[in-house]
Protein backbone atom coordinates (compact mmCIF):
# COMPACT_ATOMS: atom_id res chain seq x y z
CA MET A 1 102.49 -35.16 37.52
CA ARG A 2 105.20 -32.43 37.21
CA GLY A 3 106.16 -31.93 33.47
CA LYS A 4 103.34 -33.92 32.17
CA GLY A 5 101.07 -32.28 29.82
CA ILE A 6 97.44 -32.70 30.64
CA ASN A 7 95.14 -31.81 27.84
CA PRO A 8 91.59 -30.49 28.84
CA GLN A 9 88.60 -32.76 28.14
CA SER A 10 86.49 -29.88 28.40
CA PHE A 11 86.84 -26.02 28.74
CA GLU A 12 83.93 -23.92 29.55
CA ILE A 13 83.52 -20.23 29.71
CA THR A 14 80.31 -18.82 31.16
CA THR A 15 79.01 -15.53 32.47
CA TYR A 16 76.29 -14.80 34.82
CA GLY A 17 75.53 -11.14 35.30
CA SER A 18 78.94 -9.39 35.95
CA LEU A 19 80.75 -12.81 36.82
CA LEU A 20 82.89 -14.64 34.44
CA SER A 21 83.76 -18.20 35.12
CA VAL A 22 86.19 -20.53 33.39
CA VAL A 23 85.95 -24.14 34.15
CA TRP A 24 88.99 -26.54 32.80
CA THR A 25 88.54 -30.35 33.32
CA GLY A 26 91.12 -32.84 32.46
CA THR A 27 92.28 -36.40 33.59
CA TYR A 28 95.57 -37.83 34.65
CA LYS A 29 95.70 -41.66 35.18
CA ASP A 30 92.84 -42.33 37.74
CA LEU A 31 92.43 -38.57 38.62
CA GLU A 32 89.92 -36.11 37.37
CA ILE A 33 91.10 -32.53 37.89
CA LYS A 34 88.51 -29.54 37.62
CA LYS A 35 89.96 -26.08 37.99
CA THR A 36 87.55 -23.22 38.15
CA ILE A 37 88.44 -19.55 37.87
CA GLU A 38 85.90 -16.81 38.67
CA LEU A 39 86.27 -13.06 38.15
CA GLY A 40 83.85 -10.32 38.62
CA SER A 41 83.84 -7.48 35.98
CA ASN A 42 84.47 -4.87 38.72
CA ASP A 43 86.75 -7.06 40.83
CA LEU A 44 90.44 -6.42 41.32
CA PHE A 45 90.94 -10.04 42.06
CA PHE A 46 89.94 -13.60 40.97
CA THR A 47 89.43 -16.87 42.76
CA THR A 48 90.75 -20.29 41.81
CA SER A 49 89.54 -23.69 43.05
CA VAL A 50 90.69 -27.06 42.14
CA VAL A 51 88.89 -30.23 42.86
CA ILE A 52 90.81 -33.67 42.48
CA LYS A 53 88.54 -36.68 42.19
CA ASN A 54 89.49 -40.40 42.24
CA ILE A 55 87.67 -41.87 39.18
CA GLY A 56 89.46 -45.28 39.56
CA THR A 57 88.49 -48.23 41.57
CA ALA A 58 91.48 -48.33 43.93
CA ALA A 59 92.44 -46.00 46.65
CA ILE A 60 95.15 -43.25 45.96
CA ASN A 61 97.81 -42.78 48.51
CA ASP A 62 100.53 -40.13 48.79
CA LEU A 63 98.87 -37.41 46.87
CA TYR A 64 100.54 -34.22 47.27
CA CYS A 65 99.58 -30.72 45.73
CA LYS A 66 102.42 -28.13 45.38
CA SER A 67 101.76 -24.47 44.38
CA LEU A 68 104.64 -22.67 42.48
């Protein structure tokens, strides 16, 4: 997937009280990728989570995630 442009299918920004949340969802082949970033208005940090879901019918083997 390195070097592949994945355009988002959806991009949502929401707020709940002092919490800001951004959810980016896109697909690459048979994978759905959902990335969530949350930031509190008084926080000095943010959290990021990524969920990868197989939306195909066949099993996916040898899936590796690398953080740069």
